[in-house]
Protein backbone atom coordinates (compact mmCIF):
# COMPACT_ATOMS: atom_id res chain seq x y z
CA MET A 1 -20.16 15.81 -37.36
CA SER A 2 -16.78 14.57 -36.80
CA LEU A 3 -15.82 11.05 -35.22
CA LEU A 4 -14.35 11.56 -32.21
CA ARG A 5 -10.85 9.80 -33.34
CA ASN A 6 -9.00 9.84 -29.49
CA GLY A 7 -11.53 8.58 -27.39
CA LEU A 8 -12.14 5.67 -25.09
CA ILE A 9 -14.68 3.62 -23.87
CA ALA A 10 -14.26 2.18 -20.20
CA ILE A 11 -16.61 -0.80 -18.81
CA THR A 12 -16.43 -1.76 -15.21
CA GLY A 13 -18.63 -3.59 -12.63
CA THR A 14 -18.73 -6.21 -10.91
CA THR A 15 -17.55 -10.07 -11.60
CA GLY A 16 -20.09 -11.69 -13.15
CA VAL A 17 -22.17 -9.03 -14.37
CA GLY A 18 -21.39 -9.52 -17.96
CA LYS A 19 -18.96 -6.89 -18.92
CA SER A 20 -17.01 -8.90 -21.17
CA GLN A 21 -20.33 -9.36 -22.90
CA LEU A 22 -21.17 -5.57 -23.42
CA ALA A 23 -17.72 -5.04 -24.60
CA ILE A 24 -18.10 -6.96 -27.65
CA GLU A 25 -21.41 -5.95 -28.03
CA ILE A 26 -20.69 -1.97 -28.50
CA ALA A 27 -17.11 -2.89 -29.99
CA ARG A 28 -18.83 -4.60 -33.14
CA ALA A 29 -21.61 -2.03 -33.22
CA ILE A 30 -18.81 0.62 -33.11
CA ASN A 31 -15.79 -0.59 -34.99
CA GLY A 32 -13.89 -1.38 -31.78
CA GLU A 33 -11.06 -3.56 -29.99
CA VAL A 34 -11.33 -4.62 -26.53
CA ILE A 35 -8.37 -4.40 -24.27
CA ASN A 36 -8.89 -6.64 -20.95
CA ALA A 37 -8.46 -5.35 -17.63
CA ASP A 38 -8.50 -7.97 -15.64
CA ALA A 39 -5.21 -8.63 -13.17
CA LEU A 40 -5.51 -12.38 -13.62
CA GLN A 41 -6.89 -12.54 -16.73
CA VAL A 42 -3.77 -11.14 -18.61
CA TYR A 43 -2.38 -14.37 -17.31
CA HIS A 44 -1.87 -17.28 -19.76
CA GLY A 45 -3.64 -20.19 -18.59
CA TYR A 46 -6.12 -21.64 -16.05
CA PRO A 47 -9.37 -19.72 -18.20
CA ILE A 48 -11.87 -21.37 -16.01
CA ILE A 49 -10.96 -19.91 -12.87
CA THR A 50 -10.16 -16.61 -14.40
CA ASN A 51 -13.42 -16.43 -16.39
CA LYS A 52 -11.24 -15.40 -19.32
CA VAL A 53 -14.14 -14.48 -22.75
CA THR A 54 -13.75 -18.15 -25.38
CA ASP A 55 -12.80 -17.34 -29.01
CA ALA A 56 -16.00 -18.71 -29.56
CA GLU A 57 -18.03 -15.42 -27.36
CA MET A 58 -15.32 -12.80 -28.80
CA LEU A 59 -17.54 -12.81 -32.18
CA GLY A 60 -14.02 -11.88 -34.02
CA VAL A 61 -13.27 -8.67 -31.99
CA PRO A 62 -9.89 -8.19 -31.41
CA HIS A 63 -9.12 -8.70 -28.01
CA HIS A 64 -5.41 -7.19 -26.44
CA LEU A 65 -3.44 -7.96 -22.97
CA LEU A 66 -5.24 -11.60 -22.69
CA GLY A 67 -4.02 -14.35 -21.16
CA THR A 68 -0.44 -13.01 -22.40
CA VAL A 69 1.69 -12.86 -19.80
CA GLY A 70 3.57 -15.92 -18.44
CA PRO A 71 2.00 -17.68 -15.27
CA SER A 72 4.99 -17.46 -12.95
CA THR A 73 4.89 -13.44 -13.99
CA GLU A 74 4.37 -10.74 -11.14
CA TYR A 75 2.27 -8.05 -13.79
CA THR A 76 2.06 -4.74 -11.92
CA VAL A 77 -0.07 -2.23 -12.31
CA GLN A 78 2.70 -0.06 -13.53
CA ASP A 79 3.07 -3.11 -16.15
CA PHE A 80 -0.73 -2.80 -17.13
CA GLU A 81 -0.20 1.01 -17.58
CA ARG A 82 2.35 0.99 -20.21
CA ASP A 83 0.85 -1.81 -22.28
CA ALA A 84 -2.42 -0.57 -21.70
CA LEU A 85 -1.80 3.14 -23.46
CA LEU A 86 0.44 0.98 -26.09
CA LYS A 87 -2.38 -0.86 -27.57
CA ILE A 88 -4.70 2.10 -26.85
CA ASN A 89 -2.16 4.56 -29.32
CA GLU A 90 -2.07 1.78 -31.85
CA ILE A 91 -6.29 1.23 -32.12
CA HIS A 92 -6.31 4.91 -32.40
CA GLN A 93 -4.02 4.80 -35.42
CA ARG A 94 -6.00 2.10 -37.45
CA ASP A 95 -9.17 4.73 -36.85
CA ARG A 96 -10.79 2.22 -34.26
CA VAL A 97 -12.45 2.70 -31.14
CA PRO A 98 -10.39 1.33 -27.94
CA VAL A 99 -12.86 -0.38 -25.29
CA LEU A 100 -11.02 -1.28 -21.76
CA VAL A 101 -13.03 -3.46 -20.39
CA GLY A 102 -12.51 -5.69 -16.34
CA GLY A 103 -13.26 -5.49 -12.86
CA THR A 104 -9.53 -4.61 -11.95
CA ASN A 105 -11.07 -0.99 -11.18
CA TYR A 106 -6.70 0.83 -10.49
CA TYR A 107 -5.84 -0.92 -13.99
CA ILE A 108 -9.07 0.75 -15.82
CA GLN A 109 -7.96 3.84 -13.27
CA SER A 110 -4.16 4.01 -14.21
CA ALA A 111 -4.97 4.18 -18.24
CA MET A 112 -7.44 6.84 -17.78
CA PHE A 113 -5.55 9.19 -15.47
CA ARG A 114 -1.99 10.55 -15.49
CA THR A 115 -2.00 10.86 -11.83
CA ALA A 116 -4.18 7.96 -10.95
CA LEU A 117 -1.75 5.98 -8.92
CA VAL A 118 1.50 7.04 -6.67
CA SER A 119 2.91 3.86 -7.63
CA SER A 120 3.33 5.05 -10.71
CA ILE A 121 6.41 7.50 -9.17
CA SER A 122 9.13 5.30 -10.64
CA ARG A 123 8.34 5.09 -13.76
CA ASP A 124 11.52 7.14 -15.10
CA SER A 125 13.98 4.06 -13.31
CA GLU A 126 15.83 2.12 -15.79
CA GLU A 127 14.86 -0.91 -13.88
CA PRO A 128 11.94 -2.16 -14.11
CA GLN A 129 9.37 -1.19 -10.83
CA GLY A 130 8.05 -4.66 -10.46
CA GLU A 131 11.60 -5.74 -10.17
CA VAL A 132 12.47 -3.01 -7.74
CA GLU A 133 9.12 -3.87 -5.70
CA ARG A 134 10.14 -7.41 -5.57
CA GLU A 135 13.71 -7.22 -4.04
CA PHE A 136 12.57 -4.41 -2.13
CA GLU A 137 10.06 -6.89 -0.43
CA THR A 138 12.57 -9.47 -0.26
CA SER A 139 15.08 -7.24 1.37
CA MET A 140 12.72 -6.87 4.04
CA ALA A 141 11.12 -10.19 4.58
CA ALA A 142 13.13 -11.03 8.17
CA LYS A 143 11.07 -8.21 9.50
CA THR A 144 7.42 -8.58 11.15
CA ASN A 145 4.48 -6.51 10.56
CA GLN A 146 4.99 -4.30 13.97
CA GLN A 147 8.73 -4.25 13.02
CA LEU A 148 7.69 -2.48 9.49
CA TRP A 149 4.56 -0.46 10.58
CA GLU A 150 7.23 0.73 13.23
CA GLU A 151 9.85 2.34 11.01
CA LEU A 152 7.39 3.50 8.47
CA LYS A 153 5.80 5.30 11.73
CA ALA A 154 9.15 6.98 12.55
CA ALA A 155 9.64 8.14 9.18
CA ASP A 156 6.22 8.93 7.82
CA PRO A 157 3.67 8.93 10.59
CA PRO A 158 0.81 10.17 8.15
CA MET A 159 0.90 7.13 5.87
CA ALA A 160 1.38 4.60 8.83
CA GLU A 161 -1.99 6.05 10.64
CA LYS A 162 -3.52 4.91 7.41
CA TRP A 163 -2.84 1.58 7.14
CA HIS A 164 -3.25 -1.21 9.96
CA VAL A 165 -0.15 -3.07 11.59
CA ASN A 166 -1.24 -6.42 9.47
CA ASN A 167 -1.70 -5.06 5.89
CA ARG A 168 2.33 -5.82 5.33
CA ARG A 169 1.84 -5.19 1.61
CA LYS A 170 0.36 -1.34 2.11
CA VAL A 171 3.26 -0.27 4.59
CA LEU A 172 5.84 -2.15 2.56
CA ARG A 173 4.51 -0.57 -0.27
CA SER A 174 4.79 3.05 1.87
CA LEU A 175 8.23 2.08 2.63
CA GLU A 176 8.66 1.00 -1.05
CA ILE A 177 8.51 4.33 -1.74
CA LEU A 178 10.56 6.13 0.43
CA HIS A 179 13.38 4.01 -0.07
CA THR A 180 13.03 4.47 -3.99
CA THR A 181 12.57 8.33 -4.78
CA GLY A 182 13.55 9.57 -1.40
CA LYS A 183 10.05 11.12 -0.54
CA LYS A 184 7.52 10.18 2.01
CA HIS A 185 4.84 8.27 0.48
CA SER A 186 2.52 11.12 2.04
CA VAL A 187 4.34 13.71 0.41
CA TRP A 188 3.69 12.04 -3.56
CA VAL A 189 -0.32 11.53 -2.17
CA GLU A 190 -0.16 15.82 -1.64
CA GLU A 191 1.55 16.63 -4.65
CA SER A 192 -0.97 14.28 -7.16
CA GLU A 193 -3.83 15.81 -5.20
CA MET A 194 -2.87 18.87 -5.84
CA ALA A 195 -1.87 18.28 -9.32
CA ARG A 196 -5.60 16.54 -10.21
CA LYS A 197 -7.02 19.56 -8.74
CA SER A 198 -5.15 22.10 -11.16
CA ALA A 199 -4.37 19.96 -14.34
CA ASP A 200 -6.36 18.31 -16.52
CA THR A 201 -5.46 14.86 -15.72
CA LEU A 202 -7.46 12.70 -17.59
CA ARG A 203 -5.84 11.06 -21.22
CA PHE A 204 -8.80 10.75 -23.81
CA PRO A 205 -11.90 12.06 -23.71
CA THR A 206 -13.66 8.69 -21.97
CA LEU A 207 -16.98 7.15 -21.62
CA LEU A 208 -17.36 4.81 -18.55
CA PHE A 209 -19.94 2.25 -18.06
CA TRP A 210 -20.75 1.12 -14.76
CA LEU A 211 -22.07 -2.26 -15.49
CA TYR A 212 -24.60 -2.92 -12.09
CA ALA A 213 -26.69 -5.58 -10.98
CA ASP A 214 -28.71 -5.59 -7.63
CA THR A 215 -26.97 -7.39 -5.10
CA PRO A 216 -28.73 -10.61 -3.99
CA VAL A 217 -29.77 -11.03 -7.62
CA LEU A 218 -26.09 -10.84 -8.34
CA ASN A 219 -24.85 -13.11 -5.45
CA THR A 220 -27.09 -16.00 -6.64
CA ARG A 221 -25.52 -15.07 -10.03
CA LEU A 222 -22.15 -15.55 -8.42
CA ASP A 223 -23.11 -18.61 -6.41
CA ASN A 224 -23.88 -20.28 -9.84
CA ARG A 225 -21.21 -19.03 -11.95
CA VAL A 226 -18.96 -20.83 -9.52
CA ASP A 227 -21.31 -24.61 -9.97
CA ASP A 228 -20.68 -23.88 -13.91
CA MET A 229 -17.46 -23.41 -13.66
CA ILE A 230 -17.25 -26.74 -11.39
CA LYS A 231 -19.20 -28.51 -14.42
CA ARG A 232 -16.81 -26.73 -16.68
CA GLY A 233 -13.91 -28.63 -15.32
CA MET A 234 -12.59 -26.19 -12.62
CA PHE A 235 -11.15 -29.13 -10.42
CA GLY A 236 -9.01 -30.11 -13.87
CA GLU A 237 -7.43 -26.84 -12.93
CA LEU A 238 -7.03 -27.17 -9.91
CA GLN A 239 -4.92 -30.39 -9.99
CA GLU A 240 -3.30 -28.68 -12.80
CA LEU A 241 -2.51 -25.46 -10.35
CA HIS A 242 -1.45 -28.55 -7.48
CA ARG A 243 1.74 -29.46 -10.14
CA ASP A 244 2.34 -26.25 -10.34
CA MET A 245 3.26 -24.79 -7.68
CA GLN A 246 5.60 -27.49 -7.45
CA ASN A 247 7.46 -26.64 -10.53
CA PRO A 248 9.99 -23.67 -10.03
CA ASP A 249 9.30 -23.28 -13.79
CA THR A 250 5.78 -22.19 -13.27
CA LEU A 251 4.65 -20.91 -10.39
CA ALA A 252 6.67 -22.29 -7.63
CA PRO A 253 8.38 -18.67 -7.85
CA LEU A 254 5.51 -16.81 -6.52
CA GLY A 255 5.19 -19.08 -3.01
CA ASP A 256 2.68 -20.95 -1.94
CA ASP A 257 0.72 -18.22 0.27
CA PHE A 258 -1.53 -16.88 -2.56
CA THR A 259 -0.36 -12.96 -2.26
CA LYS A 260 0.98 -12.81 -5.52
CA GLY A 261 0.46 -12.72 -9.43
CA LEU A 262 -1.70 -15.25 -11.16
CA THR A 263 -2.20 -17.24 -7.76
CA GLN A 264 -4.20 -14.55 -5.97
CA ALA A 265 -7.29 -16.16 -8.30
CA ILE A 266 -10.62 -16.73 -6.17
CA GLY A 267 -10.48 -20.42 -5.66
CA PHE A 268 -6.71 -20.89 -5.38
CA ARG A 269 -6.46 -20.53 -1.58
CA GLU A 270 -10.31 -21.79 -0.86
CA PHE A 271 -9.18 -24.99 -2.34
CA LYS A 272 -5.51 -25.80 -0.76
CA PRO A 273 -7.14 -27.64 2.03
CA TYR A 274 -8.74 -29.94 -0.12
CA LEU A 275 -6.01 -30.36 -2.77
CA ASP A 276 -3.42 -30.92 -0.08
CA ALA A 277 -5.76 -34.00 1.31
CA GLN A 278 -6.96 -35.54 -1.35
CA THR A 279 -6.19 -39.01 -0.18
CA SER A 280 -7.67 -37.91 3.42
CA ASP A 281 -11.55 -39.53 4.76
CA ASP A 282 -11.76 -35.40 4.96
CA SER A 283 -11.24 -35.29 1.14
CA GLU A 284 -15.15 -34.47 0.23
CA LYS A 285 -16.00 -32.84 3.09
CA LEU A 286 -13.11 -30.14 2.44
CA LYS A 287 -14.25 -29.92 -1.02
CA ALA A 288 -17.56 -28.79 0.13
CA GLN A 289 -16.29 -26.36 2.43
CA GLY A 290 -13.33 -25.42 -0.36
CA ILE A 291 -16.81 -24.38 -2.93
CA GLU A 292 -18.84 -22.17 -0.32
CA ASN A 293 -15.13 -20.74 0.96
CA MET A 294 -15.00 -19.99 -2.93
CA LYS A 295 -18.78 -18.51 -2.99
CA ARG A 296 -18.56 -16.26 -0.29
CA ALA A 297 -14.83 -15.06 -1.32
CA THR A 298 -16.51 -13.93 -4.42
CA ARG A 299 -19.27 -11.97 -2.99
CA ARG A 300 -17.09 -10.41 -1.22
CA TYR A 301 -14.87 -9.64 -3.73
CA ALA A 302 -17.80 -7.98 -5.78
CA LYS A 303 -18.50 -6.12 -2.38
CA ARG A 304 -15.44 -4.49 -2.75
CA GLN A 305 -15.47 -3.66 -6.77
CA ILE A 306 -17.96 -1.61 -5.99
CA THR A 307 -16.69 -0.05 -3.04
CA TRP A 308 -14.02 1.13 -5.74
CA ILE A 309 -16.05 2.14 -8.66
CA ARG A 310 -18.73 4.15 -5.98
CA ASN A 311 -15.80 5.74 -3.80
CA LYS A 312 -13.10 6.21 -6.36
CA LEU A 313 -13.03 5.81 -10.23
CA LEU A 314 -16.65 7.52 -10.35
CA PRO A 315 -15.55 10.54 -8.23
CA GLU A 316 -12.55 11.22 -9.94
CA SER A 317 -14.29 10.61 -13.12
CA ASN A 318 -17.11 13.16 -11.86
CA ALA A 319 -14.10 15.58 -10.78
CA THR A 320 -13.67 16.15 -14.37
CA LEU A 321 -16.41 17.36 -15.98
CA GLN A 322 -15.50 20.99 -14.98
CA LYS A 323 -12.16 20.56 -17.33
CA PRO A 324 -11.14 20.06 -20.84
CA THR A 325 -11.29 16.70 -21.14
CA LYS A 326 -13.89 14.62 -19.77
CA ALA A 327 -14.96 11.31 -18.77
CA HIS A 328 -18.65 10.08 -18.78
CA ALA A 329 -19.92 7.53 -16.06
CA TYR A 330 -23.46 6.37 -16.95
CA VAL A 331 -24.67 3.36 -15.50
CA LEU A 332 -26.54 0.44 -16.88
CA ASP A 333 -29.22 -1.77 -14.71
CA ALA A 334 -28.33 -5.48 -15.85
CA THR A 335 -30.03 -6.79 -12.70
CA ASP A 336 -32.98 -8.26 -15.21
CA LEU A 337 -31.32 -10.82 -17.95
CA LYS A 338 -34.70 -10.99 -19.58
CA SER A 339 -34.35 -6.66 -20.44
CA TRP A 340 -30.49 -7.33 -21.23
CA ASP A 341 -30.87 -6.06 -24.69
CA ALA A 342 -33.02 -3.18 -24.16
CA ASN A 343 -31.26 -1.75 -20.89
CA VAL A 344 -28.15 -3.05 -21.11
CA LYS A 345 -27.02 -3.42 -24.59
CA GLN A 346 -28.80 -0.90 -26.93
CA LYS A 347 -28.83 2.03 -24.20
CA GLY A 348 -24.64 1.27 -24.42
CA ILE A 349 -24.59 0.96 -27.93
CA ASP A 350 -26.60 4.24 -28.19
CA ILE A 351 -25.01 6.43 -26.30
CA ALA A 352 -21.36 5.17 -27.25
CA ARG A 353 -22.65 6.46 -30.91
CA LEU A 354 -23.32 9.83 -29.76
CA PHE A 355 -19.91 9.75 -27.78
CA MET A 356 -17.89 8.91 -31.09
CA LYS A 357 -19.80 11.79 -33.26
CA SER A 358 -19.03 13.74 -30.23
CA ALA A 359 -22.91 14.84 -30.23
CA GLU A 360 -24.82 15.95 -26.77
CA LEU A 361 -25.01 13.48 -24.72
CA PRO A 362 -28.18 12.37 -22.24
CA ASP A 363 -28.75 13.16 -18.59
CA PRO A 364 -26.72 9.64 -17.20
CA LYS A 365 -29.25 10.05 -14.16
CA THR A 366 -31.79 9.77 -16.84
CA LEU A 367 -31.16 6.41 -17.54
CA SER A 368 -33.23 4.67 -14.90
CA GLY A 369 -34.35 4.27 -11.76
CA THR A 370 -31.10 2.24 -10.41
CA ALA A 371 -28.63 5.16 -12.17
CA GLU A 372 -30.31 8.11 -10.46
CA LYS A 373 -30.11 6.13 -6.81
CA LEU A 374 -26.57 5.06 -7.55
CA LEU A 375 -25.16 8.81 -9.24
CA ALA A 376 -26.48 10.38 -6.78
CA GLU A 377 -24.67 9.06 -4.02
CA VAL A 378 -21.43 9.46 -5.91
CA LYS A 379 -18.95 12.65 -4.83
CA ASP A 380 -18.38 14.69 -6.84
CA LYS A 381 -14.36 14.27 -6.10
CA PRO A 382 -12.86 11.61 -4.49
CA ASN A 383 -11.73 11.85 -0.83
CA SER A 384 -8.03 12.21 -0.13
CA ILE A 385 -6.40 9.44 1.11
CA LEU A 386 -4.17 11.85 3.81
CA GLN A 387 -8.16 12.53 5.32
CA TRP A 388 -9.31 9.04 5.90
CA LYS A 389 -9.80 7.45 9.23
CA ARG A 390 -9.56 4.05 9.49
CA HIS A 391 -12.64 2.35 11.69
CA ARG A 392 -12.49 -1.07 13.31
CA CYS A 393 -15.91 -3.20 13.49
CA ASP A 394 -16.30 -4.80 16.76
CA VAL A 395 -19.39 -6.32 16.10
CA CYS A 396 -17.94 -8.26 12.84
CA SER A 397 -14.33 -8.67 14.41
CA LYS A 398 -13.79 -11.83 15.92
CA SER A 399 -11.46 -13.37 18.32
CA LYS A 400 -9.50 -16.75 17.95
CA ASP A 401 -12.23 -18.20 20.16
CA GLU A 402 -15.03 -17.08 18.18
CA SER A 403 -13.72 -17.58 14.37
CA ARG A 404 -14.04 -20.66 12.43
CA SER A 405 -10.28 -21.27 11.66
CA GLY A 406 -9.02 -20.06 15.08
CA GLU A 407 -7.62 -17.34 13.83
CA PRO A 408 -8.72 -13.75 14.87
CA TYR A 409 -9.94 -12.18 12.59
CA GLU A 410 -10.30 -7.90 11.92
CA VAL A 411 -12.43 -5.93 10.40
CA TRP A 412 -10.94 -2.74 9.18
CA LEU A 413 -12.59 -0.06 7.33
CA ASN A 414 -10.48 3.08 5.77
CA GLY A 415 -12.36 6.07 5.69
CA ASP A 416 -15.59 7.22 6.96
CA ASP A 417 -17.83 6.84 3.74
CA GLU A 418 -16.64 3.09 3.84
CA TYR A 419 -17.22 2.78 7.52
CA THR A 420 -20.70 4.01 6.88
CA GLN A 421 -21.62 1.93 4.37
CA HIS A 422 -20.24 -1.32 6.13
CA MET A 423 -23.04 -0.52 9.05
CA ARG A 424 -25.72 -0.07 6.24
CA SER A 425 -24.13 -3.88 4.74
CA ARG A 426 -26.71 -6.89 5.89
CA GLN A 427 -23.44 -8.47 6.98
CA HIS A 428 -23.30 -6.05 9.48
CA LYS A 429 -26.65 -6.19 10.46
CA LYS A 430 -26.67 -9.85 10.65
CA ASN A 431 -23.73 -10.03 12.86
CA LEU A 432 -25.20 -7.69 15.20
CA LYS A 433 -28.38 -9.31 15.84
CA TYR A 434 -26.58 -12.31 16.05
CA LYS A 435 -24.23 -10.77 18.37
CA LYS A 436 -27.14 -9.18 20.58
CA ARG A 437 -29.19 -12.64 20.65
CA LEU A 438 -25.82 -13.58 22.54
CA ALA A 439 -25.68 -11.15 24.84
CA GLU A 440 -29.91 -11.36 25.66
CA ALA A 441 -29.25 -15.17 25.92
CA GLY A 442 -25.97 -14.77 28.56
CA ASP A 443 -28.26 -12.19 30.02
CA ILE A 444 -31.00 -15.08 31.02
CA GLN A 445 -28.46 -17.58 31.62
CA ARG A 446 -26.61 -15.32 34.40
CA LYS A 447 -30.64 -14.22 35.47
CA ARG A 448 -30.94 -17.81 36.06
CA ILE A 449 -27.92 -18.53 38.09
CA LYS A 450 -28.53 -15.51 40.51
CA THR A 451 -32.25 -16.97 41.13
CA ALA A 452 -30.49 -20.46 41.80
CA GLY A 453 -28.17 -18.91 44.39
CA THR A 454 -30.78 -17.19 46.04
CA ASP A 455 -33.41 -20.07 45.82
CA GLN A 456 -30.27 -21.87 47.68
CA GLU A 457 -29.66 -19.12 50.01
CA SER A 458 -32.96 -19.47 51.46
CA ASP A 459 -33.35 -23.15 51.62
CA HIS A 460 -30.71 -22.71 53.97
C-alpha cells in the first residue's frame, strides 16, 4: 500500500502523562519529526518549570518550535498556527511524518482545522495579530471590567451573556474582534459553525492519540513531579525569574500579573510571595505554601485539559468522520506505567504504521476498557458556544470570609456539559459534604441556643 505522505499525527493529554515520550517513540518508529504544541515550551529558558524534553531524551529525533521564542515575547495562537503549518509542510517535503505533541489543545486544534478558532479572523491584516491584540488591550486599560462588559453587552449581547463580567480577557477578545473586523464575535462564531458543517475543515488526514491516566494516579504523579522539579533546581529558575521580571530587557515588559507569555507558567505566580519575602521570618512557611499551591494548580490545569479534549477536540475530530478528510481519535491508557510498552508504546506505533499505510484501522473503542468508557462519553460534534449557558456553583464558590486569601472566589461553568461534569467531580462532592456538615453544626448550635433560652424562661 502507498504511504500516506500528507498525514499528521497529533498527541494530546494532560500535563505529566508522558506525551513527549510517546511522541519520540512513535517518531523513531515511523521516520517522524516532533513539533512542540505547548504554549510555554515554545519560550527559551526555564527548562525545569516548563518541563521541556532534554536533548538526551530526544534520542536523536528532530524537535521543532521548542525553546525558539524570546521570553519577553507574547507568542499567540496565530503565531503558532503559522509556524506549525510551515514546519508540517517542510517535514512533508522531506518525506517524513510530522508528530504534533503538547498539552495546549487550542494550539493542536488550530493546526488541525481551518476553522478551529475565530481568533484567526484578522490573519489578512499586514500587522501581526498579536501586536493588534496588545495595542487594543492597552487602549482599554483604563476601563473597569464592568465598563468593558457593559460595552460588549450593548454591542454584542449574545457574547456578553457567555462571559463573566470579571473575565476581562474573554470580554476584551470579543470587543477586539468587533473593533478590528467590524463584525460581531457572535456572527463570526455562527459563520464558522456553518462552515464546519458544510466544508471539509480538517487540513490533513490525522491520527489523534489521547494519552490518559486515571485521575487519582495522575494526581499522585503530578505531586511527585513537582517534588522532582525542586530536586532538579526549580528554585534556581525561580530566582532567575525574580531577576528577569525586574529587567526591561527580559520579562518586565510582560508585567507582574502572571497572565502573559512565559509568566503564565505554573509555579511563577504560586511562589511570588516567597520570592518577595525570602529574608523574612515567614520565608520557609511561604515556600511550603508555594509548593502546595503549585501542586494544586497543576492538578487543576490537568482537569481543564481533559475538559477541553472531551468537549472540544474529540467532538471536533469525530465530526470529520463523515467527511473526505478524517481525524481518527484513539485513547491510550497510561495509568499503569509498568505496562507502558504494551498499552501505550506498542499500540501507538502499530496504529501509526497502519495509518501511514492507509490501511484499515482498528475500532478505537476496542483498545481498552478505559478507551471504550471515555470515547462513549464524547459527543459526535462540539457544542456551539452560542448555546452555552453559564452556571455558578454556589457550593464551590466562596465569599471573602470563606476564602483563605480574603478575596471572593467564584466558580463558573461554561455550558451544561461542563456544569454536569463539575457536579460529579470529587472536589464538588467534598465541598458539598463540608457545607452540609457546617449547616448541621449550625442547626445544632441554634437548637442549643433555643433550648438554653427556653430553660432560662422556665427558671424565671
